[in-house]
Amino acid sequence: MNLYFLIAALLLLLAFAHTRWGEQKVFPLIKEKFTGKTFLSVYVPWQQLTWILALRGLFMFLASIWKQGLASVAVFVLLLTMGNLVIFTILCWKQGEIKLITKSVPQYLLFGAVIILIMIGQFQA
């Protein structure tokens, strides 16, 4: 068993916290200001991202169990995670939302840990 992949999987399964936090903190505020298509244009991608995070966690869990055959899955999850962070950072930077980047430090730490764990796990595999 690849312990690094397993820990990365557990961190990615925090996706369920993502959806819960959104439902409690983000969407009540958005629903007050926007309805219909505008609300759905934010709500649907949020839930889709939660699904993708959960799948990443599931596949990292499977990669932690099977020593051979899922190394490419780990690389795919690594690239997705890195890509999401880069896109988020670039778009915030371009829009001048530097405060949003600083508010997202916990997200950077979590995904940074996932990236490091996957990279170490790749070397262990």
N, C-alpha and C. Protein backbone atom coordinates (compact mmCIF):
# COMPACT_ATOMS: atom_id res chain seq x y z
N MET A 1 0.84 -1.18 0.00
CA MET A 1 0.00 0.00 0.00
C MET A 1 0.89 1.25 0.00
N ASN A 2 0.52 2.19 -0.83
CA ASN A 2 1.25 3.46 -0.91
C ASN A 2 0.60 4.44 0.08
N LEU A 3 1.26 4.65 1.21
CA LEU A 3 0.73 5.48 2.28
C LEU A 3 0.57 6.94 1.83
N TYR A 4 1.46 7.42 1.00
CA TYR A 4 1.37 8.81 0.53
C TYR A 4 0.14 9.03 -0.34
N PHE A 5 -0.15 8.07 -1.20
CA PHE A 5 -1.35 8.16 -2.02
C PHE A 5 -2.60 8.09 -1.15
N LEU A 6 -2.56 7.24 -0.12
CA LEU A 6 -3.70 7.09 0.78
C LEU A 6 -3.99 8.40 1.52
N ILE A 7 -2.96 9.05 2.03
CA ILE A 7 -3.16 10.32 2.73
C ILE A 7 -3.68 11.38 1.75
N ALA A 8 -3.15 11.41 0.53
CA ALA A 8 -3.63 12.34 -0.49
C ALA A 8 -5.11 12.08 -0.77
N ALA A 9 -5.49 10.80 -0.83
CA ALA A 9 -6.89 10.44 -1.07
C ALA A 9 -7.78 10.96 0.04
N LEU A 10 -7.35 10.80 1.27
CA LEU A 10 -8.15 11.27 2.40
C LEU A 10 -8.29 12.79 2.38
N LEU A 11 -7.23 13.49 2.01
CA LEU A 11 -7.31 14.95 1.90
C LEU A 11 -8.27 15.36 0.79
N LEU A 12 -8.24 14.64 -0.33
CA LEU A 12 -9.13 14.98 -1.44
C LEU A 12 -10.59 14.67 -1.11
N LEU A 13 -10.80 13.72 -0.23
CA LEU A 13 -12.18 13.41 0.15
C LEU A 13 -12.79 14.51 1.03
N LEU A 14 -11.99 15.52 1.33
CA LEU A 14 -12.56 16.70 1.97
C LEU A 14 -13.49 17.45 1.01
N ALA A 15 -13.65 16.91 -0.17
CA ALA A 15 -14.59 17.47 -1.15
C ALA A 15 -15.98 17.58 -0.55
N PHE A 16 -16.30 16.67 0.35
CA PHE A 16 -17.61 16.72 0.97
C PHE A 16 -17.74 17.95 1.87
N ALA A 17 -16.64 18.39 2.42
CA ALA A 17 -16.65 19.65 3.18
C ALA A 17 -16.84 20.82 2.21
N HIS A 18 -16.32 20.70 1.01
CA HIS A 18 -16.47 21.73 -0.03
C HIS A 18 -17.95 21.98 -0.32
N THR A 19 -18.69 20.92 -0.54
CA THR A 19 -20.10 21.09 -0.87
C THR A 19 -20.89 21.59 0.34
N ARG A 20 -20.57 21.08 1.50
CA ARG A 20 -21.28 21.49 2.71
C ARG A 20 -21.03 22.98 3.01
N TRP A 21 -19.78 23.41 2.92
CA TRP A 21 -19.44 24.80 3.17
C TRP A 21 -20.16 25.70 2.17
N GLY A 22 -20.16 25.28 0.92
CA GLY A 22 -20.85 26.07 -0.11
C GLY A 22 -22.33 26.20 0.18
N GLU A 23 -22.95 25.10 0.56
CA GLU A 23 -24.38 25.11 0.84
C GLU A 23 -24.71 25.99 2.04
N GLN A 24 -23.83 26.04 3.02
CA GLN A 24 -24.11 26.81 4.24
C GLN A 24 -23.67 28.26 4.16
N LYS A 25 -22.54 28.52 3.49
CA LYS A 25 -21.95 29.87 3.54
C LYS A 25 -22.07 30.66 2.24
N VAL A 26 -21.86 30.00 1.12
CA VAL A 26 -21.78 30.72 -0.15
C VAL A 26 -23.15 30.89 -0.80
N PHE A 27 -23.86 29.81 -0.96
CA PHE A 27 -25.08 29.86 -1.77
C PHE A 27 -26.24 30.62 -1.15
N PRO A 28 -26.39 30.67 0.16
CA PRO A 28 -27.43 31.56 0.69
C PRO A 28 -27.22 33.02 0.30
N LEU A 29 -25.95 33.45 0.29
CA LEU A 29 -25.65 34.83 -0.10
C LEU A 29 -25.92 35.06 -1.58
N ILE A 30 -25.53 34.09 -2.40
CA ILE A 30 -25.71 34.22 -3.84
C ILE A 30 -27.20 34.17 -4.20
N LYS A 31 -27.92 33.31 -3.50
CA LYS A 31 -29.35 33.15 -3.80
C LYS A 31 -30.13 34.42 -3.47
N GLU A 32 -29.65 35.19 -2.49
CA GLU A 32 -30.31 36.46 -2.15
C GLU A 32 -30.20 37.46 -3.29
N LYS A 33 -29.09 37.42 -4.02
CA LYS A 33 -28.84 38.42 -5.05
C LYS A 33 -29.20 37.95 -6.46
N PHE A 34 -29.08 36.64 -6.70
CA PHE A 34 -29.28 36.13 -8.04
C PHE A 34 -30.27 34.97 -8.02
N THR A 35 -30.99 34.83 -9.11
CA THR A 35 -31.93 33.71 -9.23
C THR A 35 -31.78 33.08 -10.61
N GLY A 36 -32.50 32.02 -10.81
CA GLY A 36 -32.58 31.39 -12.12
C GLY A 36 -31.25 31.00 -12.72
N LYS A 37 -31.04 31.41 -13.95
CA LYS A 37 -29.86 31.01 -14.72
C LYS A 37 -28.57 31.53 -14.09
N THR A 38 -28.60 32.74 -13.55
CA THR A 38 -27.38 33.30 -12.96
C THR A 38 -26.96 32.48 -11.74
N PHE A 39 -27.93 32.14 -10.89
CA PHE A 39 -27.62 31.31 -9.72
C PHE A 39 -27.09 29.95 -10.17
N LEU A 40 -27.76 29.34 -11.11
CA LEU A 40 -27.34 28.02 -11.59
C LEU A 40 -25.97 28.04 -12.25
N SER A 41 -25.61 29.17 -12.87
CA SER A 41 -24.29 29.25 -13.53
C SER A 41 -23.15 29.21 -12.53
N VAL A 42 -23.43 29.47 -11.26
CA VAL A 42 -22.43 29.35 -10.20
C VAL A 42 -22.61 28.03 -9.44
N TYR A 43 -23.86 27.69 -9.17
CA TYR A 43 -24.18 26.52 -8.35
C TYR A 43 -23.75 25.21 -9.03
N VAL A 44 -24.07 25.07 -10.30
CA VAL A 44 -23.75 23.82 -11.01
C VAL A 44 -22.24 23.57 -11.07
N PRO A 45 -21.41 24.54 -11.50
CA PRO A 45 -19.96 24.27 -11.51
C PRO A 45 -19.40 23.96 -10.11
N TRP A 46 -19.96 24.59 -9.09
CA TRP A 46 -19.50 24.30 -7.73
C TRP A 46 -19.73 22.82 -7.41
N GLN A 47 -20.91 22.33 -7.72
CA GLN A 47 -21.22 20.93 -7.45
C GLN A 47 -20.41 20.00 -8.36
N GLN A 48 -20.17 20.42 -9.59
CA GLN A 48 -19.33 19.62 -10.49
C GLN A 48 -17.91 19.53 -9.95
N LEU A 49 -17.38 20.62 -9.43
CA LEU A 49 -16.04 20.60 -8.85
C LEU A 49 -15.99 19.67 -7.64
N THR A 50 -17.04 19.70 -6.84
CA THR A 50 -17.10 18.79 -5.69
C THR A 50 -17.03 17.34 -6.17
N TRP A 51 -17.76 17.03 -7.21
CA TRP A 51 -17.76 15.68 -7.77
C TRP A 51 -16.36 15.30 -8.25
N ILE A 52 -15.69 16.22 -8.93
CA ILE A 52 -14.34 15.95 -9.43
C ILE A 52 -13.37 15.74 -8.27
N LEU A 53 -13.49 16.54 -7.23
CA LEU A 53 -12.63 16.36 -6.05
C LEU A 53 -12.86 14.99 -5.41
N ALA A 54 -14.11 14.59 -5.31
CA ALA A 54 -14.43 13.29 -4.72
C ALA A 54 -13.88 12.15 -5.58
N LEU A 55 -14.01 12.27 -6.90
CA LEU A 55 -13.45 11.24 -7.79
C LEU A 55 -11.93 11.18 -7.68
N ARG A 56 -11.29 12.33 -7.56
CA ARG A 56 -9.84 12.33 -7.37
C ARG A 56 -9.48 11.55 -6.11
N GLY A 57 -10.22 11.80 -5.04
CA GLY A 57 -9.97 11.08 -3.79
C GLY A 57 -10.18 9.58 -3.94
N LEU A 58 -11.25 9.21 -4.61
CA LEU A 58 -11.53 7.79 -4.84
C LEU A 58 -10.43 7.13 -5.65
N PHE A 59 -10.01 7.76 -6.72
CA PHE A 59 -8.97 7.17 -7.57
C PHE A 59 -7.61 7.16 -6.88
N MET A 60 -7.34 8.15 -6.05
CA MET A 60 -6.08 8.11 -5.29
C MET A 60 -6.13 6.99 -4.27
N PHE A 61 -7.30 6.74 -3.70
CA PHE A 61 -7.45 5.61 -2.78
C PHE A 61 -7.17 4.30 -3.51
N LEU A 62 -7.75 4.15 -4.69
CA LEU A 62 -7.49 2.93 -5.48
C LEU A 62 -6.02 2.82 -5.85
N ALA A 63 -5.40 3.94 -6.20
CA ALA A 63 -3.98 3.92 -6.54
C ALA A 63 -3.13 3.54 -5.33
N SER A 64 -3.60 3.88 -4.14
CA SER A 64 -2.84 3.53 -2.93
C SER A 64 -2.87 2.03 -2.66
N ILE A 65 -3.93 1.37 -3.09
CA ILE A 65 -4.09 -0.06 -2.84
C ILE A 65 -3.34 -0.90 -3.88
N TRP A 66 -3.53 -0.54 -5.16
CA TRP A 66 -2.90 -1.32 -6.23
C TRP A 66 -1.55 -0.72 -6.57
N LYS A 67 -0.55 -1.52 -6.40
CA LYS A 67 0.81 -1.01 -6.61
C LYS A 67 1.11 -0.73 -8.07
N GLN A 68 0.53 -1.52 -8.96
CA GLN A 68 0.82 -1.34 -10.38
C GLN A 68 -0.46 -1.00 -11.12
N GLY A 69 -0.33 -0.25 -12.15
CA GLY A 69 -1.45 0.01 -13.03
C GLY A 69 -2.15 1.33 -12.81
N LEU A 70 -1.98 1.96 -11.66
CA LEU A 70 -2.68 3.21 -11.43
C LEU A 70 -1.74 4.40 -11.23
N ALA A 71 -0.47 4.21 -11.55
CA ALA A 71 0.48 5.32 -11.44
C ALA A 71 0.08 6.46 -12.37
N SER A 72 -0.46 6.13 -13.53
CA SER A 72 -0.90 7.17 -14.46
C SER A 72 -2.10 7.94 -13.90
N VAL A 73 -2.93 7.27 -13.12
CA VAL A 73 -4.05 7.95 -12.48
C VAL A 73 -3.52 8.99 -11.49
N ALA A 74 -2.50 8.61 -10.73
CA ALA A 74 -1.91 9.54 -9.77
C ALA A 74 -1.33 10.77 -10.49
N VAL A 75 -0.70 10.54 -11.62
CA VAL A 75 -0.15 11.66 -12.39
C VAL A 75 -1.28 12.55 -12.91
N PHE A 76 -2.36 11.94 -13.36
CA PHE A 76 -3.52 12.69 -13.83
C PHE A 76 -4.10 13.55 -12.70
N VAL A 77 -4.27 12.98 -11.53
CA VAL A 77 -4.78 13.72 -10.37
C VAL A 77 -3.82 14.85 -10.01
N LEU A 78 -2.53 14.56 -10.07
CA LEU A 78 -1.52 15.58 -9.79
C LEU A 78 -1.66 16.75 -10.76
N LEU A 79 -1.78 16.46 -12.04
CA LEU A 79 -1.90 17.52 -13.05
C LEU A 79 -3.20 18.31 -12.89
N LEU A 80 -4.30 17.62 -12.57
CA LEU A 80 -5.58 18.31 -12.34
C LEU A 80 -5.46 19.28 -11.16
N THR A 81 -4.86 18.80 -10.09
CA THR A 81 -4.73 19.61 -8.88
C THR A 81 -3.85 20.83 -9.14
N MET A 82 -2.72 20.60 -9.77
CA MET A 82 -1.82 21.71 -10.08
C MET A 82 -2.49 22.69 -11.04
N GLY A 83 -3.16 22.17 -12.04
CA GLY A 83 -3.85 23.02 -13.01
C GLY A 83 -4.91 23.89 -12.37
N ASN A 84 -5.69 23.31 -11.46
CA ASN A 84 -6.73 24.08 -10.78
C ASN A 84 -6.13 25.23 -9.97
N LEU A 85 -5.04 24.96 -9.27
CA LEU A 85 -4.40 26.02 -8.49
C LEU A 85 -3.84 27.12 -9.37
N VAL A 86 -3.22 26.73 -10.46
CA VAL A 86 -2.64 27.72 -11.38
C VAL A 86 -3.73 28.58 -12.00
N ILE A 87 -4.80 27.96 -12.46
CA ILE A 87 -5.91 28.71 -13.08
C ILE A 87 -6.52 29.68 -12.07
N PHE A 88 -6.79 29.19 -10.87
CA PHE A 88 -7.36 30.04 -9.83
C PHE A 88 -6.46 31.24 -9.56
N THR A 89 -5.17 30.99 -9.41
CA THR A 89 -4.22 32.06 -9.10
C THR A 89 -4.14 33.08 -10.23
N ILE A 90 -4.03 32.60 -11.45
CA ILE A 90 -3.92 33.51 -12.60
C ILE A 90 -5.18 34.36 -12.76
N LEU A 91 -6.35 33.73 -12.65
CA LEU A 91 -7.59 34.50 -12.81
C LEU A 91 -7.78 35.52 -11.70
N CYS A 92 -7.45 35.15 -10.47
CA CYS A 92 -7.53 36.12 -9.37
C CYS A 92 -6.56 37.27 -9.58
N TRP A 93 -5.36 36.93 -10.00
CA TRP A 93 -4.33 37.94 -10.24
C TRP A 93 -4.76 38.91 -11.35
N LYS A 94 -5.27 38.36 -12.45
CA LYS A 94 -5.71 39.20 -13.57
C LYS A 94 -6.86 40.12 -13.18
N GLN A 95 -7.73 39.66 -12.30
CA GLN A 95 -8.88 40.46 -11.88
C GLN A 95 -8.56 41.38 -10.70
N GLY A 96 -7.31 41.34 -10.24
CA GLY A 96 -6.91 42.18 -9.13
C GLY A 96 -7.46 41.73 -7.78
N GLU A 97 -7.81 40.47 -7.67
CA GLU A 97 -8.39 39.92 -6.44
C GLU A 97 -7.30 39.25 -5.59
N ILE A 98 -6.31 40.00 -5.24
CA ILE A 98 -5.19 39.47 -4.45
C ILE A 98 -5.68 39.05 -3.07
N LYS A 99 -6.65 39.78 -2.50
CA LYS A 99 -7.19 39.41 -1.19
C LYS A 99 -7.84 38.03 -1.23
N LEU A 100 -8.44 37.69 -2.34
CA LEU A 100 -9.05 36.37 -2.47
C LEU A 100 -7.98 35.28 -2.44
N ILE A 101 -6.83 35.58 -3.03
CA ILE A 101 -5.71 34.62 -2.99
C ILE A 101 -5.26 34.43 -1.54
N THR A 102 -5.13 35.53 -0.80
CA THR A 102 -4.68 35.39 0.59
C THR A 102 -5.74 34.71 1.46
N LYS A 103 -7.01 34.92 1.16
CA LYS A 103 -8.07 34.22 1.90
C LYS A 103 -8.08 32.73 1.58
N SER A 104 -7.48 32.36 0.48
CA SER A 104 -7.48 30.96 0.04
C SER A 104 -6.24 30.20 0.49
N VAL A 105 -5.48 30.75 1.41
CA VAL A 105 -4.27 30.07 1.89
C VAL A 105 -4.58 28.65 2.38
N PRO A 106 -5.67 28.41 3.13
CA PRO A 106 -5.95 27.02 3.52
C PRO A 106 -6.11 26.09 2.32
N GLN A 107 -6.72 26.59 1.26
CA GLN A 107 -6.87 25.79 0.03
C GLN A 107 -5.50 25.51 -0.58
N TYR A 108 -4.65 26.52 -0.64
CA TYR A 108 -3.30 26.32 -1.17
C TYR A 108 -2.53 25.30 -0.34
N LEU A 109 -2.66 25.38 0.98
CA LEU A 109 -1.96 24.44 1.85
C LEU A 109 -2.47 23.01 1.65
N LEU A 110 -3.78 22.86 1.58
CA LEU A 110 -4.38 21.54 1.38
C LEU A 110 -3.94 20.94 0.06
N PHE A 111 -4.11 21.69 -1.02
CA PHE A 111 -3.75 21.16 -2.33
C PHE A 111 -2.24 21.05 -2.49
N GLY A 112 -1.50 21.94 -1.85
CA GLY A 112 -0.04 21.80 -1.86
C GLY A 112 0.39 20.50 -1.20
N ALA A 113 -0.26 20.16 -0.08
CA ALA A 113 0.04 18.89 0.59
C ALA A 113 -0.31 17.71 -0.31
N VAL A 114 -1.44 17.79 -1.00
CA VAL A 114 -1.84 16.72 -1.93
C VAL A 114 -0.79 16.56 -3.03
N ILE A 115 -0.34 17.67 -3.59
CA ILE A 115 0.67 17.64 -4.65
C ILE A 115 1.95 17.00 -4.15
N ILE A 116 2.41 17.42 -2.99
CA ILE A 116 3.66 16.86 -2.43
C ILE A 116 3.50 15.38 -2.14
N LEU A 117 2.38 14.99 -1.55
CA LEU A 117 2.14 13.58 -1.23
C LEU A 117 2.12 12.71 -2.49
N ILE A 118 1.48 13.20 -3.53
CA ILE A 118 1.43 12.43 -4.78
C ILE A 118 2.83 12.31 -5.37
N MET A 119 3.59 13.40 -5.34
CA MET A 119 4.95 13.34 -5.90
C MET A 119 5.83 12.37 -5.10
N ILE A 120 5.76 12.43 -3.79
CA ILE A 120 6.53 11.49 -2.97
C ILE A 120 6.05 10.05 -3.22
N GLY A 121 4.73 9.89 -3.30
CA GLY A 121 4.17 8.57 -3.56
C GLY A 121 4.61 8.00 -4.90
N GLN A 122 4.78 8.88 -5.89
CA GLN A 122 5.26 8.43 -7.20
C GLN A 122 6.66 7.87 -7.10
N PHE A 123 7.50 8.50 -6.29
CA PHE A 123 8.86 8.01 -6.12
C PHE A 123 8.89 6.71 -5.34
N GLN A 124 7.92 6.53 -4.43
CA GLN A 124 7.85 5.31 -3.65
C GLN A 124 7.34 4.14 -4.49
N ALA A 125 6.49 4.43 -5.46
CA ALA A 125 5.85 3.37 -6.25
C ALA A 125 6.82 2.57 -7.07
